[in-house]
Amino acid sequence: AWIAPSSTTYSTDSVKGRFTISRDNAKNTVYLQMDSL
């Protein structure tokens, strides 16, 4: 998955609906929430 500076996201079909990418620019951190593994 990727996330743009605008917070637009993309994820591959294999993880769509299960994984969520997010970012916190103030913390210089990117996250990947993975559910239904």
PDB file of all heavy atoms in Angstrom:
ATOM      1  N   ALA A   1       0.852  -1.190   0.000  1.00  0.00           N
ATOM      2  CA  ALA A   1       0.000   0.000   0.000  1.00  0.00           C
ATOM      3  C   ALA A   1       0.886   1.237   0.000  1.00  0.00           C
ATOM      4  O   ALA A   1       2.029   1.187   0.441  1.00  0.00           O
ATOM      5  CB  ALA A   1      -0.918   0.009   1.219  1.00  0.00           C
ATOM      6  N   TRP A   2       0.319   2.356  -0.514  1.00  0.00           N
ATOM      7  CA  TRP A   2       1.025   3.639  -0.393  1.00  0.00           C
ATOM      8  C   TRP A   2       0.063   4.726   0.013  1.00  0.00           C
ATOM      9  O   TRP A   2      -1.158   4.587  -0.114  1.00  0.00           O
ATOM     10  CB  TRP A   2       1.769   4.019  -1.674  1.00  0.00           C
ATOM     11  CG  TRP A   2       1.022   4.110  -2.967  1.00  0.00           C
ATOM     12  CD1 TRP A   2       1.102   3.239  -4.003  1.00  0.00           C
ATOM     13  CD2 TRP A   2       0.117   5.154  -3.406  1.00  0.00           C
ATOM     14  NE1 TRP A   2       0.299   3.651  -5.058  1.00  0.00           N
ATOM     15  CE2 TRP A   2      -0.310   4.837  -4.714  1.00  0.00           C
ATOM     16  CE3 TRP A   2      -0.370   6.324  -2.823  1.00  0.00           C
ATOM     17  CZ2 TRP A   2      -1.177   5.622  -5.451  1.00  0.00           C
ATOM     18  CZ3 TRP A   2      -1.252   7.116  -3.545  1.00  0.00           C
ATOM     19  CH2 TRP A   2      -1.647   6.768  -4.838  1.00  0.00           C
ATOM     20  N   ILE A   3       0.652   5.832   0.532  1.00  0.00           N
ATOM     21  CA  ILE A   3      -0.131   6.979   0.950  1.00  0.00           C
ATOM     22  C   ILE A   3       0.590   8.237   0.504  1.00  0.00           C
ATOM     23  O   ILE A   3       1.785   8.403   0.758  1.00  0.00           O
ATOM     24  CB  ILE A   3      -0.394   6.974   2.476  1.00  0.00           C
ATOM     25  CG1 ILE A   3      -1.263   8.165   2.881  1.00  0.00           C
ATOM     26  CG2 ILE A   3       0.906   6.934   3.291  1.00  0.00           C
ATOM     27  CD1 ILE A   3      -1.836   8.037   4.289  1.00  0.00           C
ATOM     28  N   ALA A   4      -0.135   9.100  -0.157  1.00  0.00           N
ATOM     29  CA  ALA A   4       0.427  10.346  -0.672  1.00  0.00           C
ATOM     30  C   ALA A   4       0.405  11.415   0.418  1.00  0.00           C
ATOM     31  O   ALA A   4      -0.287  11.279   1.426  1.00  0.00           O
ATOM     32  CB  ALA A   4      -0.377  10.806  -1.880  1.00  0.00           C
ATOM     33  N   PRO A   5       1.142  12.517   0.193  1.00  0.00           N
ATOM     34  CA  PRO A   5       1.095  13.625   1.163  1.00  0.00           C
ATOM     35  C   PRO A   5      -0.321  14.157   1.377  1.00  0.00           C
ATOM     36  O   PRO A   5      -0.642  14.634   2.464  1.00  0.00           O
ATOM     37  CB  PRO A   5       1.995  14.684   0.523  1.00  0.00           C
ATOM     38  CG  PRO A   5       2.963  13.903  -0.297  1.00  0.00           C
ATOM     39  CD  PRO A   5       2.164  12.734  -0.829  1.00  0.00           C
ATOM     40  N   SER A   6      -1.171  14.043   0.354  1.00  0.00           N
ATOM     41  CA  SER A   6      -2.561  14.484   0.466  1.00  0.00           C
ATOM     42  C   SER A   6      -3.425  13.506   1.238  1.00  0.00           C
ATOM     43  O   SER A   6      -4.603  13.765   1.461  1.00  0.00           O
ATOM     44  CB  SER A   6      -3.154  14.643  -0.942  1.00  0.00           C
ATOM     45  OG  SER A   6      -3.170  13.382  -1.594  1.00  0.00           O
ATOM     46  N   SER A   7      -2.822  12.360   1.617  1.00  0.00           N
ATOM     47  CA  SER A   7      -3.507  11.258   2.306  1.00  0.00           C
ATOM     48  C   SER A   7      -4.321  10.378   1.372  1.00  0.00           C
ATOM     49  O   SER A   7      -5.050   9.500   1.840  1.00  0.00           O
ATOM     50  CB  SER A   7      -4.379  11.752   3.468  1.00  0.00           C
ATOM     51  OG  SER A   7      -3.577  12.297   4.484  1.00  0.00           O
ATOM     52  N   THR A   8      -4.221  10.603   0.074  1.00  0.00           N
ATOM     53  CA  THR A   8      -4.769   9.625  -0.870  1.00  0.00           C
ATOM     54  C   THR A   8      -4.025   8.317  -0.691  1.00  0.00           C
ATOM     55  O   THR A   8      -2.807   8.309  -0.524  1.00  0.00           O
ATOM     56  CB  THR A   8      -4.592  10.131  -2.304  1.00  0.00           C
ATOM     57  OG1 THR A   8      -5.290  11.362  -2.465  1.00  0.00           O
ATOM     58  CG2 THR A   8      -5.108   9.109  -3.301  1.00  0.00           C
ATOM     59  N   THR A   9      -4.768   7.221  -0.722  1.00  0.00           N
ATOM     60  CA  THR A   9      -4.145   5.915  -0.505  1.00  0.00           C
ATOM     61  C   THR A   9      -4.431   4.962  -1.647  1.00  0.00           C
ATOM     62  O   THR A   9      -5.371   5.131  -2.422  1.00  0.00           O
ATOM     63  CB  THR A   9      -4.625   5.285   0.809  1.00  0.00           C
ATOM     64  OG1 THR A   9      -6.037   5.037   0.728  1.00  0.00           O
ATOM     65  CG2 THR A   9      -4.326   6.171   1.999  1.00  0.00           C
ATOM     66  N   TYR A  10      -3.583   3.933  -1.699  1.00  0.00           N
ATOM     67  CA  TYR A  10      -3.758   2.833  -2.640  1.00  0.00           C
ATOM     68  C   TYR A  10      -3.347   1.563  -1.922  1.00  0.00           C
ATOM     69  O   TYR A  10      -2.393   1.569  -1.129  1.00  0.00           O
ATOM     70  CB  TYR A  10      -2.880   3.026  -3.873  1.00  0.00           C
ATOM     71  CG  TYR A  10      -2.720   1.764  -4.693  1.00  0.00           C
ATOM     72  CD1 TYR A  10      -3.671   1.401  -5.642  1.00  0.00           C
ATOM     73  CD2 TYR A  10      -1.646   0.906  -4.486  1.00  0.00           C
ATOM     74  CE1 TYR A  10      -3.537   0.228  -6.368  1.00  0.00           C
ATOM     75  CE2 TYR A  10      -1.503  -0.266  -5.212  1.00  0.00           C
ATOM     76  CZ  TYR A  10      -2.454  -0.598  -6.144  1.00  0.00           C
ATOM     77  OH  TYR A  10      -2.319  -1.763  -6.851  1.00  0.00           O
ATOM     78  N   SER A  11      -4.041   0.480  -2.160  1.00  0.00           N
ATOM     79  CA  SER A  11      -3.624  -0.814  -1.636  1.00  0.00           C
ATOM     80  C   SER A  11      -3.868  -1.873  -2.696  1.00  0.00           C
ATOM     81  O   SER A  11      -4.779  -1.761  -3.524  1.00  0.00           O
ATOM     82  CB  SER A  11      -4.381  -1.153  -0.349  1.00  0.00           C
ATOM     83  OG  SER A  11      -5.776  -1.140  -0.561  1.00  0.00           O
ATOM     84  N   THR A  12      -3.055  -2.899  -2.653  1.00  0.00           N
ATOM     85  CA  THR A  12      -3.188  -3.966  -3.635  1.00  0.00           C
ATOM     86  C   THR A  12      -4.456  -4.775  -3.360  1.00  0.00           C
ATOM     87  O   THR A  12      -4.984  -4.781  -2.246  1.00  0.00           O
ATOM     88  CB  THR A  12      -1.975  -4.903  -3.605  1.00  0.00           C
ATOM     89  OG1 THR A  12      -1.882  -5.475  -2.295  1.00  0.00           O
ATOM     90  CG2 THR A  12      -0.701  -4.158  -3.907  1.00  0.00           C
ATOM     91  N   ASP A  13      -4.926  -5.447  -4.383  1.00  0.00           N
ATOM     92  CA  ASP A  13      -6.180  -6.185  -4.266  1.00  0.00           C
ATOM     93  C   ASP A  13      -6.133  -7.231  -3.162  1.00  0.00           C
ATOM     94  O   ASP A  13      -7.131  -7.495  -2.494  1.00  0.00           O
ATOM     95  CB  ASP A  13      -6.522  -6.862  -5.599  1.00  0.00           C
ATOM     96  CG  ASP A  13      -6.978  -5.873  -6.647  1.00  0.00           C
ATOM     97  OD1 ASP A  13      -7.313  -4.724  -6.289  1.00  0.00           O
ATOM     98  OD2 ASP A  13      -6.990  -6.248  -7.840  1.00  0.00           O
ATOM     99  N   SER A  14      -4.962  -7.813  -2.949  1.00  0.00           N
ATOM    100  CA  SER A  14      -4.854  -8.895  -1.971  1.00  0.00           C
ATOM    101  C   SER A  14      -5.073  -8.427  -0.535  1.00  0.00           C
ATOM    102  O   SER A  14      -5.366  -9.244   0.344  1.00  0.00           O
ATOM    103  CB  SER A  14      -3.503  -9.589  -2.092  1.00  0.00           C
ATOM    104  OG  SER A  14      -2.451  -8.681  -1.821  1.00  0.00           O
ATOM    105  N   VAL A  15      -4.925  -7.126  -0.277  1.00  0.00           N
ATOM    106  CA  VAL A  15      -5.081  -6.628   1.093  1.00  0.00           C
ATOM    107  C   VAL A  15      -6.207  -5.611   1.215  1.00  0.00           C
ATOM    108  O   VAL A  15      -6.522  -5.162   2.317  1.00  0.00           O
ATOM    109  CB  VAL A  15      -3.781  -6.006   1.626  1.00  0.00           C
ATOM    110  CG1 VAL A  15      -2.631  -6.989   1.505  1.00  0.00           C
ATOM    111  CG2 VAL A  15      -3.459  -4.697   0.920  1.00  0.00           C
ATOM    112  N   LYS A  16      -6.826  -5.269   0.094  1.00  0.00           N
ATOM    113  CA  LYS A  16      -7.874  -4.252   0.100  1.00  0.00           C
ATOM    114  C   LYS A  16      -9.015  -4.666   1.022  1.00  0.00           C
ATOM    115  O   LYS A  16      -9.465  -5.806   0.993  1.00  0.00           O
ATOM    116  CB  LYS A  16      -8.376  -4.032  -1.326  1.00  0.00           C
ATOM    117  CG  LYS A  16      -9.131  -2.740  -1.539  1.00  0.00           C
ATOM    118  CD  LYS A  16      -9.233  -2.417  -3.023  1.00  0.00           C
ATOM    119  CE  LYS A  16      -7.885  -2.108  -3.624  1.00  0.00           C
ATOM    120  NZ  LYS A  16      -7.954  -1.694  -5.049  1.00  0.00           N
ATOM    121  N   GLY A  17      -9.425  -3.716   1.856  1.00  0.00           N
ATOM    122  CA  GLY A  17     -10.504  -3.990   2.801  1.00  0.00           C
ATOM    123  C   GLY A  17     -10.024  -4.594   4.110  1.00  0.00           C
ATOM    124  O   GLY A  17     -10.803  -4.725   5.058  1.00  0.00           O
ATOM    125  N   ARG A  18      -8.749  -4.986   4.163  1.00  0.00           N
ATOM    126  CA  ARG A  18      -8.193  -5.592   5.382  1.00  0.00           C
ATOM    127  C   ARG A  18      -7.076  -4.744   5.979  1.00  0.00           C
ATOM    128  O   ARG A  18      -6.930  -4.688   7.198  1.00  0.00           O
ATOM    129  CB  ARG A  18      -7.654  -6.989   5.086  1.00  0.00           C
ATOM    130  CG  ARG A  18      -8.694  -7.957   4.551  1.00  0.00           C
ATOM    131  CD  ARG A  18      -8.137  -9.382   4.458  1.00  0.00           C
ATOM    132  NE  ARG A  18      -7.010  -9.485   3.546  1.00  0.00           N
ATOM    133  CZ  ARG A  18      -5.796  -9.904   3.897  1.00  0.00           C
ATOM    134  NH1 ARG A  18      -5.551 -10.240   5.155  1.00  0.00           N
ATOM    135  NH2 ARG A  18      -4.820  -9.995   3.000  1.00  0.00           N
ATOM    136  N   PHE A  19      -6.276  -4.115   5.131  1.00  0.00           N
ATOM    137  CA  PHE A  19      -5.142  -3.309   5.587  1.00  0.00           C
ATOM    138  C   PHE A  19      -5.437  -1.834   5.355  1.00  0.00           C
ATOM    139  O   PHE A  19      -6.020  -1.467   4.332  1.00  0.00           O
ATOM    140  CB  PHE A  19      -3.869  -3.669   4.825  1.00  0.00           C
ATOM    141  CG  PHE A  19      -3.305  -5.026   5.110  1.00  0.00           C
ATOM    142  CD1 PHE A  19      -3.994  -5.965   5.857  1.00  0.00           C
ATOM    143  CD2 PHE A  19      -2.046  -5.373   4.618  1.00  0.00           C
ATOM    144  CE1 PHE A  19      -3.459  -7.226   6.109  1.00  0.00           C
ATOM    145  CE2 PHE A  19      -1.498  -6.604   4.861  1.00  0.00           C
ATOM    146  CZ  PHE A  19      -2.203  -7.541   5.597  1.00  0.00           C
ATOM    147  N   THR A  20      -4.981  -0.994   6.293  1.00  0.00           N
ATOM    148  CA  THR A  20      -5.157   0.450   6.168  1.00  0.00           C
ATOM    149  C   THR A  20      -3.836   1.153   6.433  1.00  0.00           C
ATOM    150  O   THR A  20      -3.240   0.959   7.499  1.00  0.00           O
ATOM    151  CB  THR A  20      -6.211   0.962   7.159  1.00  0.00           C
ATOM    152  OG1 THR A  20      -7.449   0.268   6.955  1.00  0.00           O
ATOM    153  CG2 THR A  20      -6.440   2.458   6.977  1.00  0.00           C
ATOM    154  N   ILE A  21      -3.397   1.952   5.479  1.00  0.00           N
ATOM    155  CA  ILE A  21      -2.167   2.724   5.646  1.00  0.00           C
ATOM    156  C   ILE A  21      -2.525   4.132   6.107  1.00  0.00           C
ATOM    157  O   ILE A  21      -3.535   4.703   5.673  1.00  0.00           O
ATOM    158  CB  ILE A  21      -1.340   2.745   4.337  1.00  0.00           C
ATOM    159  CG1 ILE A  21       0.026   3.374   4.571  1.00  0.00           C
ATOM    160  CG2 ILE A  21      -2.105   3.434   3.214  1.00  0.00           C
ATOM    161  CD1 ILE A  21       0.980   3.246   3.372  1.00  0.00           C
ATOM    162  N   SER A  22      -1.716   4.681   6.993  1.00  0.00           N
ATOM    163  CA  SER A  22      -1.929   6.045   7.467  1.00  0.00           C
ATOM    164  C   SER A  22      -0.569   6.670   7.781  1.00  0.00           C
ATOM    165  O   SER A  22       0.444   5.972   7.818  1.00  0.00           O
ATOM    166  CB  SER A  22      -2.844   6.068   8.691  1.00  0.00           C
ATOM    167  OG  SER A  22      -2.270   5.349   9.770  1.00  0.00           O
ATOM    168  N   ARG A  23      -0.579   7.968   7.991  1.00  0.00           N
ATOM    169  CA  ARG A  23       0.675   8.653   8.271  1.00  0.00           C
ATOM    170  C   ARG A  23       0.447   9.770   9.280  1.00  0.00           C
ATOM    171  O   ARG A  23      -0.640  10.341   9.356  1.00  0.00           O
ATOM    172  CB  ARG A  23       1.276   9.212   6.977  1.00  0.00           C
ATOM    173  CG  ARG A  23       0.434  10.284   6.305  1.00  0.00           C
ATOM    174  CD  ARG A  23       0.899  10.535   4.867  1.00  0.00           C
ATOM    175  NE  ARG A  23       2.240  11.108   4.811  1.00  0.00           N
ATOM    176  CZ  ARG A  23       2.998  11.111   3.706  1.00  0.00           C
ATOM    177  NH1 ARG A  23       2.552  10.567   2.590  1.00  0.00           N
ATOM    178  NH2 ARG A  23       4.204  11.655   3.729  1.00  0.00           N
ATOM    179  N   ASP A  24       1.495  10.056  10.041  1.00  0.00           N
ATOM    180  CA  ASP A  24       1.508  11.175  10.965  1.00  0.00           C
ATOM    181  C   ASP A  24       2.783  11.952  10.672  1.00  0.00           C
ATOM    182  O   ASP A  24       3.855  11.607  11.169  1.00  0.00           O
ATOM    183  CB  ASP A  24       1.461  10.687  12.411  1.00  0.00           C
ATOM    184  CG  ASP A  24       1.318  11.827  13.404  1.00  0.00           C
ATOM    185  OD1 ASP A  24       1.738  12.961  13.090  1.00  0.00           O
ATOM    186  OD2 ASP A  24       0.813  11.595  14.502  1.00  0.00           O
ATOM    187  N   ASN A  25       2.680  12.979   9.854  1.00  0.00           N
ATOM    188  CA  ASN A  25       3.866  13.723   9.441  1.00  0.00           C
ATOM    189  C   ASN A  25       4.571  14.386  10.614  1.00  0.00           C
ATOM    190  O   ASN A  25       5.800  14.499  10.620  1.00  0.00           O
ATOM    191  CB  ASN A  25       3.497  14.762   8.386  1.00  0.00           C
ATOM    192  CG  ASN A  25       3.084  14.140   7.065  1.00  0.00           C
ATOM    193  OD1 ASN A  25       3.446  13.000   6.773  1.00  0.00           O
ATOM    194  ND2 ASN A  25       2.321  14.864   6.280  1.00  0.00           N
ATOM    195  N   ALA A  26       3.813  14.813  11.600  1.00  0.00           N
ATOM    196  CA  ALA A  26       4.421  15.478  12.757  1.00  0.00           C
ATOM    197  C   ALA A  26       5.328  14.525  13.526  1.00  0.00           C
ATOM    198  O   ALA A  26       6.293  14.954  14.158  1.00  0.00           O
ATOM    199  CB  ALA A  26       3.327  16.024  13.665  1.00  0.00           C
ATOM    200  N   LYS A  27       5.011  13.235  13.469  1.00  0.00           N
ATOM    201  CA  LYS A  27       5.807  12.231  14.173  1.00  0.00           C
ATOM    202  C   LYS A  27       6.753  11.492  13.238  1.00  0.00           C
ATOM    203  O   LYS A  27       7.439  10.559  13.667  1.00  0.00           O
ATOM    204  CB  LYS A  27       4.890  11.228  14.869  1.00  0.00           C
ATOM    205  CG  LYS A  27       4.039  11.821  15.983  1.00  0.00           C
ATOM    206  CD  LYS A  27       3.204  10.755  16.662  1.00  0.00           C
ATOM    207  CE  LYS A  27       2.394  11.350  17.800  1.00  0.00           C
ATOM    208  NZ  LYS A  27       1.562  10.304  18.471  1.00  0.00           N
ATOM    209  N   ASN A  28       6.767  11.883  11.964  1.00  0.00           N
ATOM    210  CA  ASN A  28       7.616  11.183  10.980  1.00  0.00           C
ATOM    211  C   ASN A  28       7.361   9.675  11.006  1.00  0.00           C
ATOM    212  O   ASN A  28       8.303   8.876  10.953  1.00  0.00           O
ATOM    213  CB  ASN A  28       9.098  11.460  11.235  1.00  0.00           C
ATOM    214  CG  ASN A  28       9.460  12.895  10.969  1.00  0.00           C
ATOM    215  OD1 ASN A  28       8.896  13.529  10.099  1.00  0.00           O
ATOM    216  ND2 ASN A  28      10.401  13.419  11.734  1.00  0.00           N
ATOM    217  N   THR A  29       6.102   9.296  11.064  1.00  0.00           N
ATOM    218  CA  THR A  29       5.756   7.891  11.210  1.00  0.00           C
ATOM    219  C   THR A  29       4.649   7.505  10.230  1.00  0.00           C
ATOM    220  O   THR A  29       3.715   8.274  10.006  1.00  0.00           O
ATOM    221  CB  THR A  29       5.304   7.587  12.647  1.00  0.00           C
ATOM    222  OG1 THR A  29       6.351   7.973  13.549  1.00  0.00           O
ATOM    223  CG2 THR A  29       5.031   6.100  12.844  1.00  0.00           C
ATOM    224  N   VAL A  30       4.784   6.317   9.672  1.00  0.00           N
ATOM    225  CA  VAL A  30       3.765   5.735   8.806  1.00  0.00           C
ATOM    226  C   VAL A  30       3.292   4.439   9.459  1.00  0.00           C
ATOM    227  O   VAL A  30       4.102   3.713  10.044  1.00  0.00           O
ATOM    228  CB  VAL A  30       4.322   5.445   7.407  1.00  0.00           C
ATOM    229  CG1 VAL A  30       3.245   4.853   6.509  1.00  0.00           C
ATOM    230  CG2 VAL A  30       4.876   6.716   6.788  1.00  0.00           C
ATOM    231  N   TYR A  31       2.018   4.171   9.347  1.00  0.00           N
ATOM    232  CA  TYR A  31       1.431   3.001  10.000  1.00  0.00           C
ATOM    233  C   TYR A  31       0.775   2.078   8.973  1.00  0.00           C
ATOM    234  O   TYR A  31       0.370   2.521   7.890  1.00  0.00           O
ATOM    235  CB  TYR A  31       0.370   3.425  11.015  1.00  0.00           C
ATOM    236  CG  TYR A  31       0.858   4.388  12.052  1.00  0.00           C
ATOM    237  CD1 TYR A  31       0.657   5.755  11.922  1.00  0.00           C
ATOM    238  CD2 TYR A  31       1.546   3.933  13.188  1.00  0.00           C
ATOM    239  CE1 TYR A  31       1.110   6.654  12.868  1.00  0.00           C
ATOM    240  CE2 TYR A  31       2.008   4.823  14.144  1.00  0.00           C
ATOM    241  CZ  TYR A  31       1.788   6.182  13.982  1.00  0.00           C
ATOM    242  OH  TYR A  31       2.249   7.061  14.934  1.00  0.00           O
ATOM    243  N   LEU A  32       0.682   0.819   9.351  1.00  0.00           N
ATOM    244  CA  LEU A  32      -0.097  -0.138   8.560  1.00  0.00           C
ATOM    245  C   LEU A  32      -0.935  -0.953   9.535  1.00  0.00           C
ATOM    246  O   LEU A  32      -0.395  -1.777  10.287  1.00  0.00           O
ATOM    247  CB  LEU A  32       0.798  -1.054   7.724  1.00  0.00           C
ATOM    248  CG  LEU A  32       0.055  -1.983   6.771  1.00  0.00           C
ATOM    249  CD1 LEU A  32      -0.616  -1.175   5.650  1.00  0.00           C
ATOM    250  CD2 LEU A  32       0.999  -3.020   6.167  1.00  0.00           C
ATOM    251  N   GLN A  33      -2.223  -0.699   9.544  1.00  0.00           N
ATOM    252  CA  GLN A  33      -3.149  -1.475  10.360  1.00  0.00           C
ATOM    253  C   GLN A  33      -3.579  -2.688   9.546  1.00  0.00           C
ATOM    254  O   GLN A  33      -4.127  -2.537   8.453  1.00  0.00           O
ATOM    255  CB  GLN A  33      -4.368  -0.634  10.741  1.00  0.00           C
ATOM    256  CG  GLN A  33      -5.422  -1.395  11.531  1.00  0.00           C
ATOM    257  CD  GLN A  33      -4.942  -1.805  12.905  1.00  0.00           C
ATOM    258  OE1 GLN A  33      -4.281  -1.025  13.596  1.00  0.00           O
ATOM    259  NE2 GLN A  33      -5.263  -3.028  13.313  1.00  0.00           N
ATOM    260  N   MET A  34      -3.311  -3.861  10.091  1.00  0.00           N
ATOM    261  CA  MET A  34      -3.601  -5.095   9.374  1.00  0.00           C
ATOM    262  C   MET A  34      -4.639  -5.888  10.153  1.00  0.00           C
ATOM    263  O   MET A  34      -4.392  -6.306  11.282  1.00  0.00           O
ATOM    264  CB  MET A  34      -2.324  -5.920   9.200  1.00  0.00           C
ATOM    265  CG  MET A  34      -1.183  -5.143   8.541  1.00  0.00           C
ATOM    266  SD  MET A  34       0.226  -6.176   8.128  1.00  0.00           S
ATOM    267  CE  MET A  34       0.723  -6.705   9.761  1.00  0.00           C
ATOM    268  N   ASP A  35      -5.798  -6.068   9.563  1.00  0.00           N
ATOM    269  CA  ASP A  35      -6.887  -6.817  10.174  1.00  0.00           C
ATOM    270  C   ASP A  35      -7.201  -8.051   9.332  1.00  0.00           C
ATOM    271  O   ASP A  35      -6.819  -8.146   8.172  1.00  0.00           O
ATOM    272  CB  ASP A  35      -8.127  -5.928  10.288  1.00  0.00           C
ATOM    273  CG  ASP A  35      -7.900  -4.709  11.161  1.00  0.00           C
ATOM    274  OD1 ASP A  35      -7.287  -4.858  12.235  1.00  0.00           O
ATOM    275  OD2 ASP A  35      -8.330  -3.607  10.769  1.00  0.00           O
ATOM    276  N   SER A  36      -7.921  -8.970   9.929  1.00  0.00           N
ATOM    277  CA  SER A  36      -8.322 -10.201   9.228  1.00  0.00           C
ATOM    278  C   SER A  36      -7.124 -10.854   8.545  1.00  0.00           C
ATOM    279  O   SER A  36      -7.187 -11.235   7.368  1.00  0.00           O
ATOM    280  CB  SER A  36      -9.419  -9.886   8.197  1.00  0.00           C
ATOM    281  OG  SER A  36     -10.537  -9.298   8.814  1.00  0.00           O
ATOM    282  N   LEU A  37      -6.056 -10.982   9.286  1.00  0.00           N
ATOM    283  CA  LEU A  37      -4.822 -11.522   8.712  1.00  0.00           C
ATOM    284  C   LEU A  37      -4.990 -12.965   8.261  1.00  0.00           C
ATOM    285  O   LEU A  37      -5.744 -13.744   8.871  1.00  0.00           O
ATOM    286  CB  LEU A  37      -3.683 -11.407   9.722  1.00  0.00           C
ATOM    287  CG  LEU A  37      -3.091  -9.994   9.847  1.00  0.00           C
ATOM    288  CD1 LEU A  37      -2.330  -9.824  11.145  1.00  0.00           C
ATOM    289  CD2 LEU A  37      -2.173  -9.716   8.649  1.00  0.00           C
TER     290      LEU A  37
END
